[in-house]
Amino acid sequence: MELSYLVREPEHITSETPILFMLHGYGSNEEDLFSFRDTLPQDWLIVSFRAPLNTPYEGYSWYDINFNNPDEFINPDQAKDAMNAILKYIVEIKQRYGLNAGNTHLAGFSQGGILTYALSLTNPQLFHKVICMSCYPEEKILTNIVKDKKRLEHLRFFVSHGTDDAVIPLDWARKGAELLYNLSCYFTFREYMSGHGVNQKNYMDLMDFLNK
């Protein structure tokens, strides 16, 4: 599976340069989260992926969604294929730039956030800061998560959701906080007066988290 992506390179790159990978939501594209780049740390390498599947109304998706059937809100096989492709590209890109493992971060919105939960909890050794926005942990792709507290203790999660989200219910998002609590992960869970998106306060809190 081939993935397109955008890159913002810092002026100087060393083995210790932090790298942030971004996964957009359903019907969007690699330009979406990449728009955050100007307020992200200037010494970071930023990579924003484009999902591989076309959606009916333009844009791209990581897996198909049946909006008329909650039981088919995720296509597990497509989601797992996407996860494998993302992992392959993450490893290849880091090797290309000669980066160490410790400064790798992952951010996802909506459908991309669902994959972010799964990618970070099944491969915790690859990541440090993890951002899950307007999403929830999907049990169908969390079958092989790591539960060893020692392997999870270095992860730092920022989870955010809108109280008026009409796409992914707030109750679904709160399951993320429950999951991370039960795994003894370090996390921040915040709710904002917004819909399915990132309002100004959410954005400011996210930038604060990333710049610490």
N, C-alpha and C. Protein backbone atom coordinates (compact mmCIF):
# COMPACT_ATOMS: atom_id res chain seq x y z
N MET A 1 0.84 -1.20 0.00
CA MET A 1 0.00 0.00 0.00
C MET A 1 0.88 1.25 0.00
N GLU A 2 0.65 2.12 -0.98
CA GLU A 2 1.45 3.34 -1.09
C GLU A 2 0.75 4.50 -0.37
N LEU A 3 1.52 5.30 0.35
CA LEU A 3 0.98 6.47 1.04
C LEU A 3 1.71 7.72 0.56
N SER A 4 0.94 8.75 0.22
CA SER A 4 1.52 10.06 -0.07
C SER A 4 1.64 10.82 1.24
N TYR A 5 2.56 11.78 1.29
CA TYR A 5 2.70 12.57 2.51
C TYR A 5 3.41 13.88 2.24
N LEU A 6 3.19 14.83 3.14
CA LEU A 6 3.87 16.12 3.11
C LEU A 6 4.92 16.16 4.22
N VAL A 7 5.99 16.89 3.98
CA VAL A 7 7.09 16.97 4.95
C VAL A 7 7.49 18.42 5.17
N ARG A 8 7.67 18.78 6.43
CA ARG A 8 8.33 20.04 6.77
C ARG A 8 9.62 19.70 7.50
N GLU A 9 10.73 20.05 6.88
CA GLU A 9 12.03 19.76 7.48
C GLU A 9 12.53 20.98 8.25
N PRO A 10 13.12 20.77 9.43
CA PRO A 10 13.76 21.89 10.14
C PRO A 10 15.07 22.26 9.45
N GLU A 11 15.63 23.36 9.87
CA GLU A 11 16.86 23.83 9.23
C GLU A 11 18.00 22.84 9.43
N HIS A 12 18.07 22.26 10.62
CA HIS A 12 19.13 21.29 10.94
C HIS A 12 18.49 19.99 11.42
N ILE A 13 18.97 18.87 10.92
CA ILE A 13 18.46 17.56 11.32
C ILE A 13 19.61 16.73 11.88
N THR A 14 19.42 16.21 13.10
CA THR A 14 20.39 15.30 13.71
C THR A 14 19.65 14.03 14.11
N SER A 15 20.37 13.09 14.68
CA SER A 15 19.74 11.85 15.12
C SER A 15 18.74 12.09 16.25
N GLU A 16 18.85 13.23 16.94
CA GLU A 16 17.97 13.55 18.06
C GLU A 16 16.79 14.44 17.66
N THR A 17 16.66 14.77 16.39
CA THR A 17 15.56 15.62 15.94
C THR A 17 14.21 14.95 16.18
N PRO A 18 13.29 15.62 16.87
CA PRO A 18 11.95 15.05 17.06
C PRO A 18 11.19 15.00 15.74
N ILE A 19 10.34 13.99 15.59
CA ILE A 19 9.51 13.86 14.39
C ILE A 19 8.07 13.62 14.80
N LEU A 20 7.16 14.31 14.15
CA LEU A 20 5.73 14.17 14.41
C LEU A 20 5.03 13.67 13.15
N PHE A 21 4.34 12.53 13.27
CA PHE A 21 3.56 11.98 12.18
C PHE A 21 2.09 12.32 12.41
N MET A 22 1.38 12.69 11.32
CA MET A 22 -0.01 13.14 11.41
C MET A 22 -0.93 12.28 10.56
N LEU A 23 -2.12 11.95 11.13
CA LEU A 23 -3.12 11.15 10.43
C LEU A 23 -4.44 11.92 10.41
N HIS A 24 -4.90 12.29 9.24
CA HIS A 24 -6.12 13.10 9.11
C HIS A 24 -7.38 12.25 9.27
N GLY A 25 -8.52 12.90 9.27
CA GLY A 25 -9.80 12.23 9.44
C GLY A 25 -10.46 11.84 8.13
N TYR A 26 -11.61 11.19 8.23
CA TYR A 26 -12.37 10.72 7.07
C TYR A 26 -12.79 11.88 6.18
N GLY A 27 -12.54 11.76 4.88
CA GLY A 27 -12.95 12.78 3.92
C GLY A 27 -12.03 13.97 3.84
N SER A 28 -10.93 13.95 4.57
CA SER A 28 -9.98 15.05 4.54
C SER A 28 -8.75 14.63 3.75
N ASN A 29 -7.64 15.31 3.98
CA ASN A 29 -6.40 14.98 3.27
C ASN A 29 -5.19 15.42 4.09
N GLU A 30 -4.02 15.22 3.53
CA GLU A 30 -2.78 15.48 4.25
C GLU A 30 -2.54 16.95 4.56
N GLU A 31 -3.29 17.85 3.91
CA GLU A 31 -3.13 19.29 4.17
C GLU A 31 -3.76 19.71 5.50
N ASP A 32 -4.70 18.92 5.99
CA ASP A 32 -5.51 19.30 7.15
C ASP A 32 -4.65 19.57 8.39
N LEU A 33 -4.15 18.54 9.02
CA LEU A 33 -3.34 18.72 10.22
C LEU A 33 -2.00 19.40 9.91
N PHE A 34 -1.56 19.30 8.67
CA PHE A 34 -0.30 19.95 8.28
C PHE A 34 -0.39 21.47 8.42
N SER A 35 -1.62 21.98 8.45
CA SER A 35 -1.82 23.43 8.64
C SER A 35 -1.35 23.89 10.01
N PHE A 36 -1.13 22.96 10.95
CA PHE A 36 -0.63 23.30 12.29
C PHE A 36 0.86 23.63 12.29
N ARG A 37 1.54 23.39 11.19
CA ARG A 37 3.00 23.36 11.18
C ARG A 37 3.66 24.66 11.64
N ASP A 38 3.04 25.79 11.38
CA ASP A 38 3.69 27.07 11.71
C ASP A 38 3.78 27.30 13.21
N THR A 39 2.91 26.67 14.00
CA THR A 39 2.95 26.85 15.45
C THR A 39 3.57 25.66 16.16
N LEU A 40 3.99 24.66 15.42
CA LEU A 40 4.70 23.52 16.01
C LEU A 40 6.17 23.90 16.20
N PRO A 41 6.87 23.21 17.10
CA PRO A 41 8.29 23.52 17.31
C PRO A 41 9.07 23.54 16.01
N GLN A 42 9.84 24.59 15.80
CA GLN A 42 10.52 24.79 14.53
C GLN A 42 11.65 23.79 14.28
N ASP A 43 12.12 23.15 15.34
CA ASP A 43 13.22 22.18 15.17
C ASP A 43 12.71 20.76 14.98
N TRP A 44 11.38 20.59 14.84
CA TRP A 44 10.80 19.28 14.61
C TRP A 44 10.67 18.99 13.12
N LEU A 45 10.76 17.72 12.78
CA LEU A 45 10.42 17.23 11.45
C LEU A 45 8.94 16.85 11.47
N ILE A 46 8.16 17.33 10.53
CA ILE A 46 6.71 17.09 10.49
C ILE A 46 6.37 16.29 9.24
N VAL A 47 5.62 15.20 9.42
CA VAL A 47 5.19 14.36 8.29
C VAL A 47 3.69 14.15 8.40
N SER A 48 2.96 14.53 7.37
CA SER A 48 1.50 14.37 7.36
C SER A 48 1.11 13.43 6.21
N PHE A 49 0.51 12.29 6.58
CA PHE A 49 0.15 11.28 5.59
C PHE A 49 -1.21 11.55 4.95
N ARG A 50 -1.36 11.09 3.71
CA ARG A 50 -2.67 11.04 3.05
C ARG A 50 -3.17 9.60 3.11
N ALA A 51 -4.42 9.41 3.54
CA ALA A 51 -5.01 8.07 3.58
C ALA A 51 -5.13 7.51 2.17
N PRO A 52 -5.16 6.18 2.03
CA PRO A 52 -5.07 5.56 0.71
C PRO A 52 -6.38 5.42 -0.06
N LEU A 53 -7.53 5.55 0.62
CA LEU A 53 -8.81 5.28 -0.04
C LEU A 53 -9.54 6.57 -0.39
N ASN A 54 -10.22 6.58 -1.53
CA ASN A 54 -11.05 7.72 -1.91
C ASN A 54 -12.41 7.64 -1.22
N THR A 55 -12.97 8.79 -0.87
CA THR A 55 -14.31 8.84 -0.30
C THR A 55 -15.29 9.34 -1.36
N PRO A 56 -16.59 9.07 -1.19
CA PRO A 56 -17.58 9.45 -2.21
C PRO A 56 -17.64 10.94 -2.51
N TYR A 57 -17.33 11.77 -1.51
CA TYR A 57 -17.48 13.22 -1.69
C TYR A 57 -16.13 13.92 -1.61
N GLU A 58 -15.17 13.40 -2.38
CA GLU A 58 -13.80 13.91 -2.39
C GLU A 58 -13.11 13.57 -1.07
N GLY A 59 -11.84 13.87 -0.99
CA GLY A 59 -11.09 13.54 0.21
C GLY A 59 -10.73 12.06 0.26
N TYR A 60 -10.13 11.66 1.38
CA TYR A 60 -9.57 10.32 1.51
C TYR A 60 -9.94 9.73 2.87
N SER A 61 -9.82 8.40 2.95
CA SER A 61 -10.11 7.72 4.22
C SER A 61 -9.13 6.58 4.44
N TRP A 62 -8.99 6.22 5.70
CA TRP A 62 -8.12 5.10 6.07
C TRP A 62 -8.86 3.78 5.94
N TYR A 63 -10.18 3.85 6.07
CA TYR A 63 -11.03 2.67 5.88
C TYR A 63 -12.44 3.15 5.60
N ASP A 64 -13.25 2.28 5.00
CA ASP A 64 -14.62 2.64 4.66
C ASP A 64 -15.50 2.70 5.90
N ILE A 65 -16.49 3.57 5.86
CA ILE A 65 -17.45 3.72 6.96
C ILE A 65 -18.86 3.57 6.40
N ASN A 66 -19.68 2.80 7.12
CA ASN A 66 -21.11 2.72 6.80
C ASN A 66 -21.85 3.56 7.84
N PHE A 67 -22.19 4.79 7.45
CA PHE A 67 -22.81 5.70 8.41
C PHE A 67 -24.22 5.27 8.81
N ASN A 68 -24.81 4.36 8.05
CA ASN A 68 -26.16 3.89 8.35
C ASN A 68 -26.20 2.68 9.28
N ASN A 69 -25.03 2.15 9.58
CA ASN A 69 -24.96 0.97 10.43
C ASN A 69 -23.83 1.13 11.44
N PRO A 70 -24.15 1.42 12.70
CA PRO A 70 -23.11 1.62 13.72
C PRO A 70 -22.18 0.43 13.87
N ASP A 71 -22.69 -0.78 13.57
CA ASP A 71 -21.85 -1.97 13.67
C ASP A 71 -20.79 -2.03 12.58
N GLU A 72 -20.96 -1.22 11.55
CA GLU A 72 -19.99 -1.18 10.46
C GLU A 72 -19.33 0.20 10.37
N PHE A 73 -19.21 0.86 11.53
CA PHE A 73 -18.56 2.17 11.58
C PHE A 73 -17.07 2.06 11.29
N ILE A 74 -16.57 0.83 11.36
CA ILE A 74 -15.17 0.59 11.03
C ILE A 74 -15.08 -0.69 10.22
N ASN A 75 -14.20 -0.69 9.23
CA ASN A 75 -13.86 -1.90 8.49
C ASN A 75 -12.53 -2.38 9.05
N PRO A 76 -12.54 -3.37 9.94
CA PRO A 76 -11.32 -3.76 10.65
C PRO A 76 -10.18 -4.18 9.73
N ASP A 77 -10.50 -4.91 8.66
CA ASP A 77 -9.43 -5.38 7.76
C ASP A 77 -8.75 -4.21 7.07
N GLN A 78 -9.54 -3.25 6.59
CA GLN A 78 -8.95 -2.08 5.95
C GLN A 78 -8.15 -1.25 6.96
N ALA A 79 -8.68 -1.13 8.17
CA ALA A 79 -7.99 -0.35 9.21
C ALA A 79 -6.64 -0.98 9.55
N LYS A 80 -6.60 -2.29 9.67
CA LYS A 80 -5.35 -2.97 9.98
C LYS A 80 -4.36 -2.87 8.83
N ASP A 81 -4.85 -2.93 7.59
CA ASP A 81 -3.97 -2.74 6.44
C ASP A 81 -3.36 -1.34 6.46
N ALA A 82 -4.19 -0.35 6.80
CA ALA A 82 -3.71 1.02 6.88
C ALA A 82 -2.66 1.17 7.98
N MET A 83 -2.92 0.54 9.12
CA MET A 83 -1.95 0.60 10.23
C MET A 83 -0.61 0.00 9.83
N ASN A 84 -0.65 -1.13 9.13
CA ASN A 84 0.60 -1.76 8.69
C ASN A 84 1.36 -0.86 7.73
N ALA A 85 0.63 -0.19 6.83
CA ALA A 85 1.29 0.72 5.89
C ALA A 85 1.90 1.91 6.61
N ILE A 86 1.15 2.48 7.57
CA ILE A 86 1.66 3.62 8.33
C ILE A 86 2.93 3.23 9.09
N LEU A 87 2.90 2.09 9.74
CA LEU A 87 4.09 1.63 10.49
C LEU A 87 5.29 1.46 9.56
N LYS A 88 5.04 0.89 8.39
CA LYS A 88 6.12 0.69 7.42
C LYS A 88 6.74 2.03 7.03
N TYR A 89 5.91 3.01 6.75
CA TYR A 89 6.42 4.32 6.35
C TYR A 89 7.12 5.03 7.50
N ILE A 90 6.58 4.90 8.71
CA ILE A 90 7.22 5.52 9.87
C ILE A 90 8.65 5.01 10.03
N VAL A 91 8.80 3.70 9.97
CA VAL A 91 10.13 3.10 10.12
C VAL A 91 11.05 3.54 8.99
N GLU A 92 10.56 3.53 7.77
CA GLU A 92 11.39 3.91 6.62
C GLU A 92 11.80 5.37 6.67
N ILE A 93 10.87 6.25 7.02
CA ILE A 93 11.18 7.68 7.07
C ILE A 93 12.20 7.98 8.17
N LYS A 94 12.03 7.36 9.32
CA LYS A 94 12.99 7.57 10.40
C LYS A 94 14.38 7.07 10.02
N GLN A 95 14.43 5.94 9.35
CA GLN A 95 15.72 5.41 8.90
C GLN A 95 16.36 6.33 7.87
N ARG A 96 15.54 6.89 6.98
CA ARG A 96 16.05 7.77 5.94
C ARG A 96 16.72 9.00 6.54
N TYR A 97 16.14 9.52 7.63
CA TYR A 97 16.71 10.70 8.26
C TYR A 97 17.69 10.36 9.38
N GLY A 98 17.87 9.07 9.68
CA GLY A 98 18.80 8.66 10.72
C GLY A 98 18.38 9.07 12.11
N LEU A 99 17.08 8.97 12.41
CA LEU A 99 16.54 9.43 13.69
C LEU A 99 16.52 8.32 14.73
N ASN A 100 16.77 8.70 15.98
CA ASN A 100 16.65 7.77 17.10
C ASN A 100 15.18 7.53 17.44
N ALA A 101 14.93 6.53 18.27
CA ALA A 101 13.55 6.12 18.56
C ALA A 101 12.83 7.04 19.54
N GLY A 102 13.57 7.70 20.42
CA GLY A 102 12.94 8.35 21.56
C GLY A 102 12.10 9.57 21.29
N ASN A 103 12.27 10.23 20.16
CA ASN A 103 11.60 11.50 19.90
C ASN A 103 10.57 11.41 18.77
N THR A 104 9.82 10.32 18.75
CA THR A 104 8.82 10.12 17.71
C THR A 104 7.42 10.31 18.29
N HIS A 105 6.65 11.19 17.65
CA HIS A 105 5.31 11.52 18.15
C HIS A 105 4.26 11.24 17.07
N LEU A 106 3.01 11.04 17.51
CA LEU A 106 1.94 10.68 16.60
C LEU A 106 0.68 11.46 16.95
N ALA A 107 0.04 12.05 15.94
CA ALA A 107 -1.19 12.80 16.14
C ALA A 107 -2.24 12.37 15.14
N GLY A 108 -3.47 12.19 15.59
CA GLY A 108 -4.55 11.82 14.69
C GLY A 108 -5.85 12.50 15.06
N PHE A 109 -6.64 12.82 14.02
CA PHE A 109 -7.95 13.42 14.22
C PHE A 109 -9.02 12.48 13.69
N SER A 110 -10.08 12.26 14.47
CA SER A 110 -11.24 11.46 14.07
C SER A 110 -10.79 10.07 13.65
N GLN A 111 -11.00 9.70 12.40
CA GLN A 111 -10.59 8.37 11.94
C GLN A 111 -9.08 8.17 12.14
N GLY A 112 -8.32 9.21 11.89
CA GLY A 112 -6.88 9.13 12.13
C GLY A 112 -6.55 8.97 13.60
N GLY A 113 -7.39 9.55 14.46
CA GLY A 113 -7.20 9.40 15.90
C GLY A 113 -7.50 7.99 16.37
N ILE A 114 -8.50 7.36 15.77
CA ILE A 114 -8.82 5.97 16.09
C ILE A 114 -7.62 5.08 15.79
N LEU A 115 -6.99 5.32 14.65
CA LEU A 115 -5.78 4.56 14.31
C LEU A 115 -4.62 4.93 15.24
N THR A 116 -4.57 6.17 15.67
CA THR A 116 -3.51 6.60 16.58
C THR A 116 -3.56 5.85 17.90
N TYR A 117 -4.76 5.70 18.46
CA TYR A 117 -4.91 4.88 19.66
C TYR A 117 -4.31 3.49 19.43
N ALA A 118 -4.74 2.85 18.34
CA ALA A 118 -4.32 1.47 18.09
C ALA A 118 -2.82 1.37 17.81
N LEU A 119 -2.29 2.29 17.01
CA LEU A 119 -0.87 2.25 16.68
C LEU A 119 0.01 2.43 17.91
N SER A 120 -0.36 3.37 18.76
CA SER A 120 0.48 3.67 19.93
C SER A 120 0.40 2.59 20.99
N LEU A 121 -0.78 1.99 21.16
CA LEU A 121 -0.96 0.99 22.22
C LEU A 121 -0.52 -0.40 21.80
N THR A 122 -0.39 -0.63 20.51
CA THR A 122 0.14 -1.92 20.04
C THR A 122 1.64 -1.84 19.75
N ASN A 123 2.16 -0.63 19.57
CA ASN A 123 3.59 -0.43 19.29
C ASN A 123 4.15 0.69 20.16
N PRO A 124 4.02 0.60 21.48
CA PRO A 124 4.40 1.73 22.34
C PRO A 124 5.88 2.09 22.26
N GLN A 125 6.70 1.13 21.87
CA GLN A 125 8.14 1.39 21.79
C GLN A 125 8.50 2.40 20.71
N LEU A 126 7.57 2.66 19.79
CA LEU A 126 7.85 3.56 18.67
C LEU A 126 7.57 5.03 18.97
N PHE A 127 6.78 5.31 20.02
CA PHE A 127 6.25 6.66 20.19
C PHE A 127 6.50 7.21 21.59
N HIS A 128 6.36 8.54 21.67
CA HIS A 128 6.45 9.22 22.97
C HIS A 128 5.18 10.04 23.22
N LYS A 129 5.01 11.17 22.53
CA LYS A 129 3.79 11.96 22.68
C LYS A 129 2.75 11.48 21.66
N VAL A 130 1.52 11.31 22.15
CA VAL A 130 0.44 10.77 21.32
C VAL A 130 -0.78 11.67 21.46
N ILE A 131 -1.33 12.13 20.33
CA ILE A 131 -2.47 13.05 20.33
C ILE A 131 -3.66 12.38 19.66
N CYS A 132 -4.76 12.26 20.39
CA CYS A 132 -5.98 11.63 19.88
C CYS A 132 -7.11 12.66 19.97
N MET A 133 -7.51 13.23 18.83
CA MET A 133 -8.51 14.29 18.81
C MET A 133 -9.80 13.83 18.16
N SER A 134 -10.92 14.13 18.82
CA SER A 134 -12.26 13.84 18.27
C SER A 134 -12.37 12.40 17.79
N CYS A 135 -12.03 11.46 18.66
CA CYS A 135 -12.02 10.06 18.28
C CYS A 135 -12.35 9.18 19.48
N TYR A 136 -12.14 7.91 19.34
CA TYR A 136 -12.40 6.96 20.41
C TYR A 136 -11.55 5.71 20.18
N PRO A 137 -11.33 4.90 21.20
CA PRO A 137 -10.58 3.65 21.01
C PRO A 137 -11.50 2.57 20.46
N GLU A 138 -11.17 2.03 19.32
CA GLU A 138 -12.01 1.03 18.65
C GLU A 138 -11.56 -0.39 19.03
N GLU A 139 -12.44 -1.11 19.74
CA GLU A 139 -12.10 -2.43 20.25
C GLU A 139 -11.70 -3.40 19.14
N LYS A 140 -12.27 -3.25 17.95
CA LYS A 140 -12.02 -4.20 16.86
C LYS A 140 -10.57 -4.17 16.36
N ILE A 141 -9.85 -3.10 16.66
CA ILE A 141 -8.44 -3.04 16.24
C ILE A 141 -7.51 -2.87 17.45
N LEU A 142 -8.04 -3.11 18.63
CA LEU A 142 -7.24 -3.03 19.86
C LEU A 142 -7.05 -4.40 20.49
N THR A 143 -7.09 -5.43 19.67
CA THR A 143 -7.03 -6.79 20.20
C THR A 143 -5.64 -7.18 20.70
N ASN A 144 -4.62 -6.50 20.22
CA ASN A 144 -3.24 -6.87 20.60
C ASN A 144 -2.51 -5.75 21.32
N ILE A 145 -3.24 -4.97 22.11
CA ILE A 145 -2.57 -3.86 22.80
C ILE A 145 -1.64 -4.37 23.90
N VAL A 146 -0.62 -3.59 24.15
CA VAL A 146 0.34 -3.91 25.20
C VAL A 146 -0.26 -3.50 26.55
N LYS A 147 -0.16 -4.38 27.54
CA LYS A 147 -0.71 -4.09 28.86
C LYS A 147 0.36 -4.04 29.95
N ASP A 148 1.60 -4.20 29.54
CA ASP A 148 2.73 -4.13 30.46
C ASP A 148 3.01 -2.67 30.80
N LYS A 149 2.80 -2.30 32.05
CA LYS A 149 2.93 -0.91 32.47
C LYS A 149 4.32 -0.35 32.18
N LYS A 150 5.34 -1.18 32.30
CA LYS A 150 6.71 -0.72 32.06
C LYS A 150 6.90 -0.31 30.60
N ARG A 151 6.25 -1.00 29.70
CA ARG A 151 6.39 -0.70 28.26
C ARG A 151 5.55 0.52 27.85
N LEU A 152 4.61 0.91 28.71
CA LEU A 152 3.72 2.03 28.39
C LEU A 152 4.09 3.32 29.13
N GLU A 153 4.97 3.23 30.13
CA GLU A 153 5.16 4.36 31.04
C GLU A 153 5.78 5.59 30.40
N HIS A 154 6.45 5.43 29.26
CA HIS A 154 7.07 6.60 28.61
C HIS A 154 6.09 7.37 27.72
N LEU A 155 4.93 6.79 27.44
CA LEU A 155 3.95 7.45 26.58
C LEU A 155 3.28 8.61 27.29
N ARG A 156 2.98 9.66 26.53
CA ARG A 156 2.25 10.82 27.06
C ARG A 156 1.11 11.13 26.09
N PHE A 157 -0.12 11.00 26.56
CA PHE A 157 -1.30 11.17 25.72
C PHE A 157 -1.97 12.52 25.95
N PHE A 158 -2.40 13.14 24.86
CA PHE A 158 -3.29 14.30 24.91
C PHE A 158 -4.55 13.90 24.14
N VAL A 159 -5.68 13.83 24.85
CA VAL A 159 -6.95 13.39 24.25
C VAL A 159 -7.95 14.53 24.37
N SER A 160 -8.59 14.90 23.26
CA SER A 160 -9.55 16.00 23.29
C SER A 160 -10.80 15.64 22.50
N HIS A 161 -11.92 16.26 22.91
CA HIS A 161 -13.19 15.96 22.24
C HIS A 161 -14.17 17.11 22.46
N GLY A 162 -15.03 17.33 21.48
CA GLY A 162 -16.05 18.36 21.59
C GLY A 162 -17.30 17.85 22.28
N THR A 163 -17.84 18.67 23.16
CA THR A 163 -19.04 18.25 23.91
C THR A 163 -20.26 18.13 22.99
N ASP A 164 -20.23 18.82 21.85
CA ASP A 164 -21.36 18.80 20.92
C ASP A 164 -21.02 18.05 19.63
N ASP A 165 -20.09 17.10 19.72
CA ASP A 165 -19.68 16.32 18.55
C ASP A 165 -20.84 15.45 18.07
N ALA A 166 -21.30 15.68 16.84
CA ALA A 166 -22.43 14.92 16.30
C ALA A 166 -21.97 13.73 15.46
N VAL A 167 -20.66 13.57 15.29
CA VAL A 167 -20.13 12.47 14.49
C VAL A 167 -19.70 11.31 15.39
N ILE A 168 -18.90 11.62 16.40
CA ILE A 168 -18.46 10.63 17.38
C ILE A 168 -18.92 11.09 18.75
N PRO A 169 -19.85 10.39 19.38
CA PRO A 169 -20.42 10.82 20.66
C PRO A 169 -19.36 10.99 21.75
N LEU A 170 -19.60 11.94 22.62
CA LEU A 170 -18.68 12.20 23.72
C LEU A 170 -18.50 10.97 24.59
N ASP A 171 -19.56 10.20 24.78
CA ASP A 171 -19.45 8.99 25.60
C ASP A 171 -18.44 8.01 25.02
N TRP A 172 -18.38 7.95 23.67
CA TRP A 172 -17.39 7.07 23.05
C TRP A 172 -15.98 7.57 23.37
N ALA A 173 -15.80 8.89 23.31
CA ALA A 173 -14.48 9.47 23.57
C ALA A 173 -14.03 9.22 25.00
N ARG A 174 -14.98 9.27 25.94
CA ARG A 174 -14.65 9.06 27.35
C ARG A 174 -14.12 7.66 27.61
N LYS A 175 -14.45 6.74 26.72
CA LYS A 175 -13.91 5.38 26.85
C LYS A 175 -12.39 5.39 26.69
N GLY A 176 -11.90 6.39 25.97
CA GLY A 176 -10.45 6.52 25.82
C GLY A 176 -9.78 6.83 27.14
N ALA A 177 -10.38 7.73 27.89
CA ALA A 177 -9.84 8.07 29.21
C ALA A 177 -9.89 6.85 30.13
N GLU A 178 -10.99 6.09 30.06
CA GLU A 178 -11.11 4.88 30.88
C GLU A 178 -10.03 3.86 30.52
N LEU A 179 -9.82 3.69 29.22
CA LEU A 179 -8.82 2.73 28.77
C LEU A 179 -7.42 3.13 29.24
N LEU A 180 -7.06 4.39 29.02
CA LEU A 180 -5.72 4.85 29.41
C LEU A 180 -5.53 4.80 30.91
N TYR A 181 -6.60 5.10 31.67
CA TYR A 181 -6.53 5.01 33.13
C TYR A 181 -6.28 3.56 33.56
N ASN A 182 -7.02 2.64 32.95
CA ASN A 182 -6.88 1.22 33.31
C ASN A 182 -5.52 0.66 32.94
N LEU A 183 -4.89 1.26 31.92
CA LEU A 183 -3.54 0.83 31.51
C LEU A 183 -2.45 1.57 32.28
N SER A 184 -2.86 2.48 33.18
CA SER A 184 -1.92 3.29 33.98
C SER A 184 -1.03 4.17 33.11
N CYS A 185 -1.59 4.63 31.99
CA CYS A 185 -0.85 5.55 31.11
C CYS A 185 -0.94 6.98 31.63
N TYR A 186 0.05 7.80 31.29
CA TYR A 186 0.00 9.22 31.57
C TYR A 186 -0.83 9.89 30.47
N PHE A 187 -1.87 10.60 30.86
CA PHE A 187 -2.71 11.22 29.83
C PHE A 187 -3.42 12.45 30.37
N THR A 188 -3.78 13.32 29.43
CA THR A 188 -4.64 14.47 29.67
C THR A 188 -5.88 14.28 28.81
N PHE A 189 -7.06 14.32 29.42
CA PHE A 189 -8.31 14.22 28.67
C PHE A 189 -9.09 15.51 28.87
N ARG A 190 -9.42 16.18 27.77
CA ARG A 190 -10.10 17.47 27.87
C ARG A 190 -11.29 17.55 26.93
N GLU A 191 -12.35 18.14 27.46
CA GLU A 191 -13.57 18.35 26.68
C GLU A 191 -13.73 19.84 26.40
N TYR A 192 -14.18 20.15 25.18
CA TYR A 192 -14.32 21.54 24.76
C TYR A 192 -15.73 21.79 24.22
N MET A 193 -16.19 23.00 24.36
CA MET A 193 -17.51 23.36 23.83
C MET A 193 -17.39 23.56 22.33
N SER A 194 -17.43 22.47 21.61
CA SER A 194 -17.28 22.50 20.16
C SER A 194 -17.93 21.26 19.57
N GLY A 195 -18.00 21.23 18.24
CA GLY A 195 -18.51 20.07 17.54
C GLY A 195 -17.38 19.13 17.18
N HIS A 196 -17.46 18.57 15.97
CA HIS A 196 -16.45 17.62 15.52
C HIS A 196 -15.30 18.41 14.89
N GLY A 197 -14.47 18.96 15.75
CA GLY A 197 -13.38 19.79 15.28
C GLY A 197 -12.50 20.23 16.42
N VAL A 198 -11.57 21.14 16.12
CA VAL A 198 -10.61 21.64 17.10
C VAL A 198 -10.82 23.14 17.23
N ASN A 199 -11.38 23.58 18.38
CA ASN A 199 -11.59 25.02 18.55
C ASN A 199 -10.30 25.69 19.06
N GLN A 200 -10.36 26.98 19.24
CA GLN A 200 -9.14 27.73 19.56
C GLN A 200 -8.51 27.28 20.89
N LYS A 201 -9.33 27.05 21.91
CA LYS A 201 -8.79 26.63 23.21
C LYS A 201 -8.17 25.25 23.09
N ASN A 202 -8.82 24.36 22.38
CA ASN A 202 -8.26 23.03 22.15
C ASN A 202 -6.91 23.14 21.45
N TYR A 203 -6.84 23.98 20.43
CA TYR A 203 -5.62 24.17 19.67
C TYR A 203 -4.49 24.71 20.55
N MET A 204 -4.82 25.69 21.38
CA MET A 204 -3.81 26.28 22.27
C MET A 204 -3.30 25.25 23.27
N ASP A 205 -4.22 24.45 23.83
CA ASP A 205 -3.81 23.42 24.79
C ASP A 205 -2.95 22.35 24.11
N LEU A 206 -3.30 22.03 22.85
CA LEU A 206 -2.50 21.06 22.11
C LEU A 206 -1.09 21.57 21.87
N MET A 207 -0.97 22.84 21.45
CA MET A 207 0.34 23.40 21.20
C MET A 207 1.16 23.47 22.49
N ASP A 208 0.50 23.76 23.59
CA ASP A 208 1.19 23.78 24.88
C ASP A 208 1.74 22.41 25.23
N PHE A 209 0.93 21.39 24.97
CA PHE A 209 1.36 20.00 25.21
C PHE A 209 2.57 19.64 24.36
N LEU A 210 2.54 20.00 23.10
CA LEU A 210 3.62 19.64 22.19
C LEU A 210 4.89 20.44 22.43
N ASN A 211 4.75 21.65 22.92
CA ASN A 211 5.92 22.51 23.11
C ASN A 211 6.60 22.33 24.47
N LYS A 212 6.01 21.50 25.33
CA LYS A 212 6.63 21.29 26.65
C LYS A 212 7.87 20.43 26.52
